[in-house]
Amino acid sequence: MLSKLPLITKSDLFEILSSRFESDKKLSQIPNPSLLHDASKAAKRIAHAIQKNERITLVGDYDVDGVSSTAIMVDFFKRIPYPLDAIIPNRFSDGYGVSPTVLERIEANLIITVDNGITAVEAAEICKQRGIDLIITDHHTPGDKLPDAYAIVDPKLSECNYPFEEICGAEVAWLLLALLKQELSLSIDMRQFLDILSIAIIADIMPLIDINRTLVKEGLKLIQNSSRPASVIIRDFLNKSTISSEDIAFQIAPRINSAGRLEDASIALDFFTAQDTHSAYKQFELLGQLNELRKETEAQTTKEAIACVREEDSIIVVAGEDWHEGVVGIAASRLVDRFEKPAIVLSINGQSAKGSARSIGDISIYELIKENEHLLTKFGGHKMAAGLGLKTIDIEPFREAINKSAQKIAPEDFLPVESLTGILATDDIDLELLKLLERFEPYGEANTKPSFLLHEAEVVSIKLMGADKSHSRIEVRQYPHQRKTVELIAFRTVFEMPANRKISCSYTVTKNEFNGRVSPQLLVKKIYNAVS
């Protein structure tokens, strides 16, 4: 089947990529924020609170989208200027969102949530009892019961008429602030927040089409020119002539995320809102250290989780007492990649356990979990990822039950979805190809970067790289008797020479900049016939 993929040229690739878009939207074509249900009502209430000198508290979330939403809000209020109490709940002591635990330490007339709150029914009741107006801004799918809040701004509400609903929490917050700007007749330029906004859109895996594509393109440009200390540090760290969505997704977002995963998201918020480059650099260094710790913790957890896997199961369910709650989601993703089946990784804490699920192919892990919710204390999520909690004594019954539920799933639904563009001659991998690929940036969800196939290429040599020799540099020759060889980089893979000295793999082409020299770099996505 792999060998039946078409041979494509750069001209073919241009046609394929051109067909994905009619034309890019301009910033001026972004739909009016007032089309978001309750957004005008919310903006008027916030403006009233400012005019009456009321106390306003913001409640964010500990992932990149939540931290970015909070940072944009904090920055906006500084420019009014108006005091804003900003809280990002701690994953370990507070749990998620505007919870009753968080409300205990809030004294305010008005609470605004960003990137959370659509399921905060209990918190809304507490606010009502205390006479606090609650404005919820979120982008997650509403449940059967909505919180009784003053206003709910969420593009996924059935009554919302915003023409593009696949926006992240930071976009909802940004659009609301645009209305607040109008209400207060401010001269704040909303474009100055696009650097942080683009990071949120990319990190939250929003489809990079429609307004998301526009905002990310403009945001990536701004990172390269902004005087915001955080953006100065990001561009100095990346040290590239152009910053891509992949640079953000793989090098910046994990660092921002590591704070909330391992310690406290306030570290990431302090980075985004730093007033000078010295402060921003200190926070970024700390985020880098946390990210390294996250990698080590995740690697150890994944290793232990692999040892617990029952390979006969259709759905992997593993649990461990010393597994860090902040990395179980990443460990689940690693198990999915290795075993090509959905995985649930649970962290046990005494009598209870909680963890994360990741799926593959066309399997809805959310529906499988929902079918067995009688064994759970809580759960939520979507088709490809979910979070759940249960009693420790119910882990084994749950494993058995979810595997029983999975018996009705067709075998083909387990096949990983990988769309290969075609087979590209290695002679076509040059600077012209890099320019062609750059024209259709940013890549991401709904605009995937083209991936190509090398079919039974000859392996010339293998070198292991990295401090722990855990990455491979593989030199290959695409066709026999061809003089030209190319190098493949396989991260987190110890590649051993196959008996037939052949490799079949998918790869993407990225720009490598070193000492002022630009060259194409081939990154392995999946190896089809290798020992690793």
Protein backbone atom coordinates (compact mmCIF):
# COMPACT_ATOMS: atom_id res chain seq x y z
CA MET A 1 0.00 0.00 0.00
CA LEU A 2 2.85 2.41 0.83
CA SER A 3 4.56 1.82 -2.49
CA LYS A 4 1.32 2.79 -4.29
CA LEU A 5 1.63 6.39 -3.11
CA PRO A 6 2.12 8.77 -6.05
CA LEU A 7 5.47 10.25 -7.03
CA ILE A 8 5.06 14.01 -6.75
CA THR A 9 7.09 17.00 -7.90
CA LYS A 10 7.33 20.47 -6.35
CA SER A 11 4.73 21.64 -8.89
CA ASP A 12 2.34 18.91 -7.72
CA LEU A 13 2.95 19.93 -4.13
CA PHE A 14 2.15 23.57 -4.91
CA GLU A 15 -1.19 22.50 -6.43
CA ILE A 16 -2.02 20.29 -3.44
CA LEU A 17 -1.31 23.06 -0.93
CA SER A 18 -3.02 25.78 -2.97
CA SER A 19 -6.24 23.75 -3.05
CA ARG A 20 -6.54 23.92 0.76
CA PHE A 21 -7.44 27.62 0.87
CA GLU A 22 -9.56 30.02 -1.13
CA SER A 23 -7.88 33.11 0.28
CA ASP A 24 -6.54 34.27 3.62
CA LYS A 25 -8.71 36.53 5.75
CA LYS A 26 -7.40 39.94 6.76
CA LEU A 27 -7.51 41.11 10.38
CA SER A 28 -10.21 43.58 9.35
CA GLN A 29 -12.39 40.63 8.24
CA ILE A 30 -12.51 38.97 11.68
CA PRO A 31 -16.22 38.70 12.60
CA ASN A 32 -17.58 41.23 15.08
CA PRO A 33 -17.07 40.05 18.69
CA SER A 34 -20.64 41.16 19.50
CA LEU A 35 -21.82 38.08 17.59
CA LEU A 36 -20.58 35.99 20.53
CA HIS A 37 -23.57 35.24 22.76
CA ASP A 38 -23.56 37.40 25.92
CA ALA A 39 -20.28 39.12 24.92
CA SER A 40 -21.79 42.62 24.76
CA LYS A 41 -23.61 42.03 28.05
CA ALA A 42 -20.34 40.88 29.64
CA ALA A 43 -18.38 43.86 28.26
CA LYS A 44 -20.97 46.30 29.60
CA ARG A 45 -20.84 44.66 33.06
CA ILE A 46 -17.01 44.82 33.18
CA ALA A 47 -17.07 48.47 32.03
CA HIS A 48 -19.62 49.25 34.78
CA ALA A 49 -17.38 47.53 37.37
CA ILE A 50 -14.43 49.68 36.26
CA GLN A 51 -16.46 52.89 36.33
CA LYS A 52 -17.81 52.07 39.82
CA ASN A 53 -14.39 51.04 41.11
CA GLU A 54 -15.53 47.48 41.91
CA ARG A 55 -13.14 44.67 42.75
CA ILE A 56 -12.59 42.34 39.79
CA THR A 57 -10.98 38.90 40.00
CA LEU A 58 -9.89 36.82 37.03
CA VAL A 59 -9.69 33.00 37.20
CA GLY A 60 -7.59 31.31 34.51
CA ASP A 61 -6.28 27.83 33.80
CA TYR A 62 -2.86 26.19 34.07
CA ASP A 63 -2.32 25.12 30.44
CA VAL A 64 -0.84 27.34 27.70
CA ASP A 65 -4.25 28.58 26.54
CA GLY A 66 -5.32 29.41 30.10
CA VAL A 67 -2.04 31.16 30.96
CA SER A 68 -2.11 33.09 27.66
CA SER A 69 -5.74 34.15 28.24
CA THR A 70 -4.81 35.37 31.71
CA ALA A 71 -1.71 37.20 30.46
CA ILE A 72 -3.66 39.04 27.75
CA MET A 73 -6.30 40.10 30.31
CA VAL A 74 -3.65 41.22 32.83
CA ASP A 75 -1.78 43.20 30.16
CA PHE A 76 -4.99 44.87 28.92
CA PHE A 77 -6.02 45.95 32.44
CA LYS A 78 -2.53 47.38 33.08
CA ARG A 79 -3.00 49.58 30.02
CA ILE A 80 -6.35 51.02 31.18
CA PRO A 81 -4.94 51.12 33.97
CA TYR A 82 -7.17 49.27 36.45
CA PRO A 83 -6.32 46.80 39.25
CA LEU A 84 -7.14 43.18 38.42
CA ASP A 85 -6.64 40.25 40.78
CA ALA A 86 -5.57 37.29 38.61
CA ILE A 87 -5.62 33.72 39.91
CA ILE A 88 -4.48 30.62 38.07
CA PRO A 89 -5.57 27.56 40.08
CA ASN A 90 -2.87 25.09 41.07
CA ARG A 91 -3.38 21.69 39.42
CA PHE A 92 -2.50 19.83 42.63
CA SER A 93 -4.10 21.87 45.42
CA ASP A 94 -7.01 23.56 43.62
CA GLY A 95 -7.94 21.30 40.75
CA TYR A 96 -9.37 22.71 37.53
CA GLY A 97 -11.03 26.06 36.97
CA VAL A 98 -13.23 28.27 39.15
CA SER A 99 -13.79 25.62 41.82
CA PRO A 100 -15.31 26.07 45.31
CA THR A 101 -11.75 25.73 46.66
CA VAL A 102 -10.59 28.73 44.61
CA LEU A 103 -13.68 30.77 45.55
CA GLU A 104 -12.76 30.48 49.25
CA ARG A 105 -9.87 32.89 48.72
CA ILE A 106 -11.67 35.40 46.49
CA GLU A 107 -13.24 38.64 47.70
CA ALA A 108 -14.73 40.40 44.69
CA ASN A 109 -17.80 42.05 43.18
CA LEU A 110 -17.15 40.49 39.78
CA ILE A 111 -15.39 37.26 38.75
CA ILE A 112 -14.36 36.63 35.14
CA THR A 113 -13.16 33.20 34.00
CA VAL A 114 -10.93 32.58 30.99
CA ASP A 115 -10.54 29.16 29.31
CA ASN A 116 -12.74 27.52 31.97
CA GLY A 117 -16.10 27.71 33.71
CA ILE A 118 -18.58 26.15 31.28
CA THR A 119 -19.10 23.23 33.71
CA ALA A 120 -18.75 25.29 36.93
CA VAL A 121 -22.35 24.77 38.09
CA GLU A 122 -21.46 24.55 41.80
CA ALA A 123 -19.16 27.59 41.68
CA ALA A 124 -21.90 29.64 39.98
CA GLU A 125 -24.29 28.78 42.83
CA ILE A 126 -21.74 29.89 45.42
CA CYS A 127 -21.25 33.19 43.54
CA LYS A 128 -25.02 33.72 43.48
CA GLN A 129 -25.25 33.13 47.25
CA ARG A 130 -22.39 35.57 47.88
CA GLY A 131 -23.78 38.26 45.58
CA ILE A 132 -20.86 38.02 43.14
CA ASP A 133 -21.54 38.45 39.42
CA LEU A 134 -19.85 35.65 37.45
CA ILE A 135 -18.86 36.10 33.80
CA ILE A 136 -17.74 32.86 32.18
CA THR A 137 -15.57 32.96 29.05
CA ASP A 138 -14.71 29.53 27.73
CA HIS A 139 -14.47 27.54 24.51
CA HIS A 140 -15.11 24.00 25.75
CA THR A 141 -18.25 22.04 24.92
CA PRO A 142 -21.11 22.77 27.35
CA GLY A 143 -22.63 19.93 29.37
CA ASP A 144 -26.32 19.18 29.82
CA LYS A 145 -26.62 21.83 32.56
CA LEU A 146 -25.20 25.34 32.24
CA PRO A 147 -23.94 27.34 35.23
CA ASP A 148 -26.34 30.05 36.45
CA ALA A 149 -23.95 32.91 35.68
CA TYR A 150 -24.42 36.60 34.87
CA ALA A 151 -23.07 35.97 31.36
CA ILE A 152 -21.60 33.00 29.49
CA VAL A 153 -19.43 33.71 26.45
CA ASP A 154 -18.65 30.45 24.66
CA PRO A 155 -18.75 29.93 20.86
CA LYS A 156 -19.97 26.36 21.38
CA LEU A 157 -23.24 27.41 23.06
CA SER A 158 -26.16 26.36 20.87
CA GLU A 159 -27.51 29.93 20.94
CA CYS A 160 -24.20 31.50 19.88
CA ASN A 161 -24.13 33.00 16.36
CA TYR A 162 -20.40 33.56 16.02
CA PRO A 163 -19.57 32.27 12.49
CA PHE A 164 -16.42 30.36 13.47
CA GLU A 165 -16.64 28.33 16.67
CA GLU A 166 -13.26 26.57 16.68
CA ILE A 167 -11.48 29.24 18.68
CA CYS A 168 -9.45 28.84 21.87
CA GLY A 169 -10.01 30.40 25.28
CA ALA A 170 -7.50 33.19 24.65
CA GLU A 171 -9.34 34.19 21.47
CA VAL A 172 -12.65 34.40 23.37
CA ALA A 173 -10.97 36.62 26.00
CA TRP A 174 -9.32 38.78 23.31
CA LEU A 175 -12.61 39.28 21.44
CA LEU A 176 -14.37 40.23 24.69
CA LEU A 177 -11.63 42.78 25.46
CA ALA A 178 -12.18 44.32 22.01
CA LEU A 179 -15.78 45.01 23.05
CA LEU A 180 -14.65 46.34 26.44
CA LYS A 181 -12.29 48.69 24.61
CA GLN A 182 -15.28 50.08 22.70
CA GLU A 183 -17.40 50.39 25.86
CA LEU A 184 -14.67 52.43 27.58
CA SER A 185 -13.68 54.37 24.41
CA LEU A 186 -10.03 53.32 24.83
CA SER A 187 -7.30 53.72 22.22
CA ILE A 188 -5.61 50.37 22.98
CA ASP A 189 -4.37 48.58 19.82
CA MET A 190 -5.69 45.00 20.05
CA ARG A 191 -3.01 43.79 17.62
CA GLN A 192 -0.31 44.14 20.27
CA PHE A 193 -1.62 40.98 21.99
CA LEU A 194 -1.32 38.76 18.90
CA ASP A 195 2.10 37.41 19.89
CA ILE A 196 0.68 35.72 23.01
CA LEU A 197 -2.60 34.92 21.25
CA SER A 198 -0.84 33.01 18.44
CA ILE A 199 1.02 30.87 20.98
CA ALA A 200 -2.31 29.92 22.61
CA ILE A 201 -3.96 29.01 19.28
CA ILE A 202 -1.04 26.78 18.27
CA ALA A 203 -0.60 25.15 21.69
CA ASP A 204 -4.32 24.39 22.05
CA ILE A 205 -4.26 22.64 18.64
CA MET A 206 -6.93 24.84 17.10
CA PRO A 207 -7.56 24.29 13.35
CA LEU A 208 -5.25 26.66 11.49
CA ILE A 209 -7.89 27.81 9.04
CA ASP A 210 -10.19 30.84 8.79
CA ILE A 211 -9.48 33.49 11.49
CA ASN A 212 -7.07 31.20 13.36
CA ARG A 213 -4.77 31.14 10.35
CA THR A 214 -4.87 34.93 10.10
CA LEU A 215 -4.23 35.50 13.80
CA VAL A 216 -1.36 33.00 13.94
CA LYS A 217 0.33 34.43 10.82
CA GLU A 218 0.15 37.94 12.25
CA GLY A 219 1.13 36.76 15.73
CA LEU A 220 4.25 34.93 14.51
CA LYS A 221 5.32 38.10 12.66
CA LEU A 222 4.76 40.12 15.84
CA ILE A 223 6.93 37.78 17.94
CA GLN A 224 9.80 38.71 15.63
CA ASN A 225 9.25 42.46 16.11
CA SER A 226 7.46 42.98 19.42
CA SER A 227 9.14 44.86 22.26
CA ARG A 228 7.28 42.69 24.77
CA PRO A 229 10.08 41.21 26.94
CA ALA A 230 8.64 37.66 26.61
CA SER A 231 8.66 37.90 22.81
CA VAL A 232 12.21 39.29 22.83
CA ILE A 233 13.34 36.25 24.86
CA ILE A 234 11.44 33.80 22.62
CA ARG A 235 13.01 35.13 19.42
CA ASP A 236 16.48 35.25 21.01
CA PHE A 237 16.04 31.65 22.16
CA LEU A 238 14.83 30.37 18.76
CA ASN A 239 17.45 32.47 16.90
CA LYS A 240 15.80 32.07 13.49
CA SER A 241 15.11 34.46 10.65
CA THR A 242 11.47 33.33 10.56
CA ILE A 243 9.53 31.70 13.39
CA SER A 244 7.14 28.90 12.46
CA SER A 245 4.13 27.35 14.18
CA GLU A 246 6.27 24.22 14.68
CA ASP A 247 8.87 26.24 16.60
CA ILE A 248 6.11 27.36 18.97
CA ALA A 249 4.47 23.93 19.20
CA PHE A 250 7.65 21.98 19.94
CA GLN A 251 10.00 24.44 21.63
CA ILE A 252 7.94 27.14 23.36
CA ALA A 253 4.57 25.61 24.28
CA PRO A 254 6.08 22.67 26.26
CA ARG A 255 8.08 25.15 28.34
CA ILE A 256 4.99 27.27 29.09
CA ASN A 257 3.04 24.10 29.91
CA SER A 258 5.70 22.67 32.21
CA ALA A 259 5.00 25.24 34.94
CA GLY A 260 1.39 24.11 35.46
CA ARG A 261 2.30 20.45 34.98
CA LEU A 262 5.04 20.28 37.59
CA GLU A 263 4.82 23.31 39.86
CA ASP A 264 2.61 26.37 39.42
CA ALA A 265 1.42 28.16 36.28
CA SER A 266 2.14 31.55 37.86
CA ILE A 267 5.76 31.06 36.70
CA ALA A 268 4.57 31.05 33.07
CA LEU A 269 2.24 34.00 33.71
CA ASP A 270 5.15 35.96 35.20
CA PHE A 271 7.14 35.21 32.04
CA PHE A 272 4.41 36.53 29.73
CA THR A 273 3.78 39.63 31.84
CA ALA A 274 7.41 40.48 32.71
CA GLN A 275 8.12 44.21 32.45
CA ASP A 276 11.77 43.83 31.40
CA THR A 277 13.92 41.29 29.58
CA HIS A 278 15.97 40.48 32.69
CA SER A 279 12.83 39.33 34.56
CA ALA A 280 11.51 37.53 31.47
CA TYR A 281 14.83 35.73 31.01
CA LYS A 282 14.86 34.54 34.65
CA GLN A 283 11.35 33.10 34.29
CA PHE A 284 12.18 31.51 30.92
CA GLU A 285 15.26 29.86 32.44
CA LEU A 286 13.07 28.47 35.20
CA LEU A 287 10.55 27.21 32.63
CA GLY A 288 13.43 25.53 30.77
CA GLN A 289 14.54 23.75 33.95
CA LEU A 290 10.97 22.63 34.67
CA ASN A 291 10.64 21.38 31.10
CA GLU A 292 13.82 19.28 31.47
CA LEU A 293 12.43 17.88 34.72
CA ARG A 294 9.14 17.22 32.93
CA LYS A 295 10.99 15.25 30.24
CA GLU A 296 12.83 13.15 32.83
CA THR A 297 9.68 12.53 34.87
CA GLU A 298 7.70 11.68 31.76
CA ALA A 299 10.39 9.28 30.47
CA GLN A 300 10.50 7.43 33.80
CA THR A 301 6.70 7.29 34.07
CA THR A 302 6.41 6.05 30.48
CA LYS A 303 9.04 3.34 31.10
CA GLU A 304 7.15 2.11 34.19
CA ALA A 305 3.79 2.36 32.40
CA ILE A 306 5.07 0.24 29.48
CA ALA A 307 6.02 -2.50 31.97
CA CYS A 308 2.40 -2.53 33.25
CA VAL A 309 0.74 -2.86 29.84
CA ARG A 310 -1.31 -5.99 29.11
CA GLU A 311 -0.71 -6.35 25.39
CA GLU A 312 -3.80 -8.51 24.93
CA ASP A 313 -6.03 -5.58 25.93
CA SER A 314 -7.62 -3.42 23.23
CA ILE A 315 -7.62 -0.39 25.55
CA ILE A 316 -4.53 0.09 27.70
CA VAL A 317 -5.28 0.96 31.33
CA VAL A 318 -2.27 1.30 33.64
CA ALA A 319 -1.82 2.88 37.07
CA GLY A 320 1.03 3.69 39.43
CA GLU A 321 1.34 5.14 42.93
CA ASP A 322 4.38 7.32 42.34
CA TRP A 323 3.45 8.62 38.88
CA HIS A 324 3.39 12.38 38.59
CA GLU A 325 -0.08 13.69 37.88
CA GLY A 326 1.31 16.38 35.57
CA VAL A 327 2.82 13.96 33.02
CA VAL A 328 0.29 11.12 32.81
CA GLY A 329 -1.30 12.66 29.71
CA ILE A 330 2.03 12.75 27.86
CA ALA A 331 2.77 9.18 29.02
CA ALA A 332 -0.60 8.09 27.61
CA SER A 333 0.34 9.64 24.25
CA ARG A 334 3.65 7.74 24.27
CA LEU A 335 1.80 4.44 24.92
CA VAL A 336 -0.57 5.17 22.03
CA ASP A 337 2.40 5.76 19.71
CA ARG A 338 4.11 2.55 20.83
CA PHE A 339 1.19 0.11 20.97
CA GLU A 340 -1.14 1.75 18.43
CA LYS A 341 -4.19 1.51 20.69
CA PRO A 342 -5.92 3.94 23.08
CA ALA A 343 -4.26 4.36 26.47
CA ILE A 344 -5.36 5.52 29.92
CA VAL A 345 -2.65 6.33 32.47
CA LEU A 346 -3.70 6.83 36.10
CA SER A 347 -1.88 8.29 39.08
CA ILE A 348 -2.89 6.64 42.37
CA ASN A 349 -3.11 8.74 45.52
CA GLY A 350 -4.30 6.57 48.42
CA GLN A 351 -7.93 5.55 47.90
CA SER A 352 -8.39 7.52 44.69
CA ALA A 353 -6.80 7.81 41.27
CA LYS A 354 -6.98 10.29 38.44
CA GLY A 355 -5.41 10.44 35.04
CA SER A 356 -5.60 11.04 31.34
CA ALA A 357 -6.71 9.15 28.26
CA ARG A 358 -5.52 9.45 24.67
CA SER A 359 -7.00 7.79 21.60
CA ILE A 360 -6.01 6.73 18.11
CA GLY A 361 -7.58 6.34 14.68
CA ASP A 362 -11.36 6.71 14.69
CA ILE A 363 -11.99 5.60 18.29
CA SER A 364 -13.82 7.97 20.62
CA ILE A 365 -12.16 7.42 23.99
CA TYR A 366 -14.72 9.83 25.47
CA GLU A 367 -17.65 7.60 24.47
CA LEU A 368 -15.90 4.48 25.77
CA ILE A 369 -15.27 6.17 29.12
CA LYS A 370 -18.83 7.56 29.26
CA GLU A 371 -20.20 4.05 28.74
CA ASN A 372 -18.48 3.05 31.99
CA GLU A 373 -19.03 6.24 34.01
CA HIS A 374 -20.75 4.24 36.76
CA LEU A 375 -17.23 3.21 37.83
CA LEU A 376 -15.91 6.80 37.85
CA THR A 377 -16.08 9.76 40.21
CA LYS A 378 -15.58 12.28 37.39
CA PHE A 379 -14.66 12.49 33.72
CA GLY A 380 -14.64 14.92 30.80
CA GLY A 381 -13.03 15.48 27.45
CA HIS A 382 -13.59 14.78 23.77
CA LYS A 383 -13.06 12.10 21.13
CA MET A 384 -9.25 11.95 21.20
CA ALA A 385 -8.44 12.96 24.80
CA ALA A 386 -10.10 12.85 28.20
CA GLY A 387 -9.49 13.19 31.91
CA LEU A 388 -11.01 10.93 34.56
CA GLY A 389 -11.08 10.10 38.26
CA LEU A 390 -12.09 6.95 40.12
CA LYS A 391 -11.60 5.01 43.33
CA THR A 392 -8.44 2.89 43.44
CA ILE A 393 -10.45 -0.28 44.06
CA ASP A 394 -12.35 0.35 40.80
CA ILE A 395 -9.28 0.53 38.53
CA GLU A 396 -9.29 -3.18 37.67
CA PRO A 397 -13.09 -3.40 37.19
CA PHE A 398 -12.85 -0.31 34.97
CA ARG A 399 -10.04 -1.86 32.89
CA GLU A 400 -12.14 -4.98 32.34
CA ALA A 401 -15.31 -2.99 31.59
CA ILE A 402 -13.77 -0.60 29.07
CA ASN A 403 -12.11 -3.48 27.25
CA LYS A 404 -15.47 -5.24 27.10
CA SER A 405 -16.96 -2.05 25.62
CA ALA A 406 -14.14 -1.99 23.04
CA GLN A 407 -15.05 -5.44 21.70
CA LYS A 408 -17.65 -3.88 19.39
CA ILE A 409 -15.07 -1.58 17.74
CA ALA A 410 -14.09 -2.53 14.18
CA PRO A 411 -10.36 -3.41 13.81
CA GLU A 412 -9.88 -0.74 11.12
CA ASP A 413 -10.90 1.97 13.61
CA PHE A 414 -7.65 1.27 15.48
CA LEU A 415 -5.51 2.18 12.47
CA PRO A 416 -3.60 5.42 13.09
CA VAL A 417 -4.61 8.22 10.79
CA GLU A 418 -1.55 9.41 8.92
CA SER A 419 -2.06 11.25 5.70
CA LEU A 420 0.99 10.99 3.44
CA THR A 421 1.26 13.50 0.60
CA GLY A 422 3.30 11.27 -1.66
CA ILE A 423 6.84 10.20 -2.60
CA LEU A 424 9.18 13.10 -3.27
CA ALA A 425 12.47 12.61 -5.11
CA THR A 426 15.32 13.50 -2.73
CA ASP A 427 16.77 15.64 -5.55
CA ASP A 428 13.75 17.92 -5.02
CA ILE A 429 14.62 18.53 -1.36
CA ASP A 430 16.30 21.91 -1.65
CA LEU A 431 15.96 25.59 -0.71
CA GLU A 432 13.25 26.05 -3.34
CA LEU A 433 11.18 23.37 -1.58
CA LEU A 434 11.67 25.19 1.75
CA LYS A 435 10.38 28.44 0.20
CA LEU A 436 7.40 26.58 -1.24
CA LEU A 437 6.52 25.05 2.13
CA GLU A 438 6.93 28.41 3.88
CA ARG A 439 4.34 30.01 1.58
CA PHE A 440 1.59 27.89 3.14
CA GLU A 441 2.57 28.39 6.79
CA PRO A 442 1.32 28.22 9.47
CA TYR A 443 0.90 24.44 9.60
CA GLY A 444 -1.00 22.61 12.28
CA GLU A 445 -4.47 21.21 12.90
CA ALA A 446 -6.59 21.27 9.68
CA ASN A 447 -3.55 22.46 7.69
CA THR A 448 -1.11 19.65 8.29
CA LYS A 449 2.44 20.00 7.14
CA PRO A 450 3.02 17.76 4.10
CA SER A 451 4.65 14.46 5.00
CA PHE A 452 6.44 12.30 2.47
CA LEU A 453 7.40 8.66 2.15
CA LEU A 454 10.82 7.09 1.74
CA HIS A 455 10.15 3.54 0.58
CA GLU A 456 12.84 0.90 1.13
CA ALA A 457 15.65 3.42 0.99
CA GLU A 458 19.19 2.13 1.56
CA VAL A 459 20.58 2.85 5.03
CA VAL A 460 24.17 4.09 4.54
CA SER A 461 25.06 4.88 8.16
CA ILE A 462 23.56 5.53 11.61
CA LYS A 463 24.85 7.88 14.32
CA LEU A 464 23.29 8.28 17.75
CA MET A 465 22.98 11.84 19.07
CA GLY A 466 22.18 13.67 22.27
CA ALA A 467 23.64 13.53 25.77
CA ASP A 468 21.95 10.18 26.39
CA LYS A 469 22.34 8.94 22.78
CA SER A 470 18.55 8.64 22.45
CA HIS A 471 18.21 10.26 19.00
CA SER A 472 19.32 8.91 15.62
CA ARG A 473 20.87 10.53 12.57
CA ILE A 474 20.28 8.16 9.66
CA GLU A 475 22.04 8.63 6.32
CA VAL A 476 20.04 7.10 3.45
CA ARG A 477 20.13 6.72 -0.32
CA GLN A 478 16.66 6.82 -1.88
CA TYR A 479 17.43 4.71 -4.97
CA PRO A 480 20.21 2.18 -5.76
CA HIS A 481 23.15 3.59 -7.74
CA GLN A 482 22.15 7.15 -6.74
CA ARG A 483 25.16 9.15 -5.56
CA LYS A 484 23.24 11.66 -3.43
CA THR A 485 22.43 10.72 0.15
CA VAL A 486 20.19 12.54 2.64
CA GLU A 487 20.12 12.61 6.41
CA LEU A 488 17.07 11.76 8.49
CA ILE A 489 16.75 12.87 12.13
CA ALA A 490 14.73 10.49 14.31
CA PHE A 491 14.13 12.02 17.75
CA ARG A 492 13.54 9.74 20.76
CA THR A 493 14.46 6.73 18.60
CA VAL A 494 17.50 4.45 18.88
CA PHE A 495 17.56 3.09 15.35
CA GLU A 496 19.46 -0.13 14.73
CA MET A 497 20.70 -1.25 11.35
CA PRO A 498 18.01 -3.51 9.78
CA ALA A 499 19.15 -6.89 8.45
CA ASN A 500 18.27 -5.82 4.90
CA ARG A 501 19.82 -2.36 5.39
CA LYS A 502 16.54 -0.78 4.21
CA ILE A 503 14.19 1.74 5.78
CA SER A 504 10.64 2.82 4.98
CA CYS A 505 9.47 5.90 6.85
CA SER A 506 7.42 9.05 6.68
CA TYR A 507 9.12 12.41 7.19
CA THR A 508 8.58 16.15 7.06
CA VAL A 509 10.97 18.78 5.73
CA THR A 510 11.95 21.69 7.98
CA LYS A 511 14.38 24.58 7.74
CA ASN A 512 17.67 24.12 9.58
CA GLU A 513 19.60 27.29 10.38
CA PHE A 514 23.15 26.93 11.69
CA ASN A 515 25.94 29.50 11.67
CA GLY A 516 23.98 31.61 9.17
CA ARG A 517 23.62 28.66 6.78
CA VAL A 518 20.12 27.51 5.80
CA SER A 519 19.47 23.92 4.69
CA PRO A 520 16.55 21.48 4.54
CA GLN A 521 16.29 19.01 7.43
CA LEU A 522 14.32 15.75 7.24
CA LEU A 523 12.50 14.79 10.46
CA VAL A 524 11.22 11.22 10.78
CA LYS A 525 7.55 10.92 11.75
CA LYS A 526 7.07 7.16 11.64
CA ILE A 527 9.33 4.20 10.81
CA TYR A 528 7.50 1.30 9.16
CA ASN A 529 10.01 -1.51 9.05
CA ALA A 530 12.62 -0.84 11.69
CA VAL A 531 13.82 -2.12 15.01
CA SER A 532 13.81 0.76 17.47
